[in-house]
Every structure is written in C-alpha cells, then in structure tokens.
Amino acid sequence: MRYYIVVYDVNEKRVVKVHRLLRRYLQWRQRSVFEGYLADDELGELLRRLDSIIDESEDSVVFYSLPSDKIVRSFHIGAPPDRFENVL
C-alpha cells in the first residue's frame, strides 16, 4: 500500500464525476486535491475508472506516490477550503 496525493484539473463538464470517484477512494483535502492510501488493485481500478471519465486531450490528473504519509509534512495558510458542493 502506498500513500498518494492526487491533483486534478479537468473540464467543468467532468469535474463532479471525477470528484465523486476520487472521494470513493481517497480523502478530499480541498477543491481538486485528494490524498490517502491505495493498494495496487485499488489504484488500478481507480485509474481504469478515471480513464473512462476524463478526456485525455484536455483533462489532467496527477498522482504523487509516497511510501508513507509519515514523510509528508503539510500545513495550511489562508481560509479553510470551501465545501465542494459550493463550488459548482
């Protein structure tokens, strides 16, 4: 199992589908950022499902793979993230 930070930039037509799919596998951090642990089979399944949603000619989803969340140091400045439901 590895720790992933996933960032996406997709057309607004597909953003809700991508967000809902990622939320099934990972924890939402803010707007287009998710993180959490995925097993290899979960990662494969998630990638296949994302591939069926996104348009590779204009959408982008970036996966940062880390061995553990213990090596990630994060902090937050500014306003707390909006609830996703308020974005659309």
Foldseek 3Di string as FASTA:
>chain_A
DWKKKKFKDADPVQQVVLVVLVVVPFDDQADGITIDDDDPVRVVVSVVVVVVRGDVVGMDMDIDIGRDCVVDDDDDDDDGHDDNVVPD
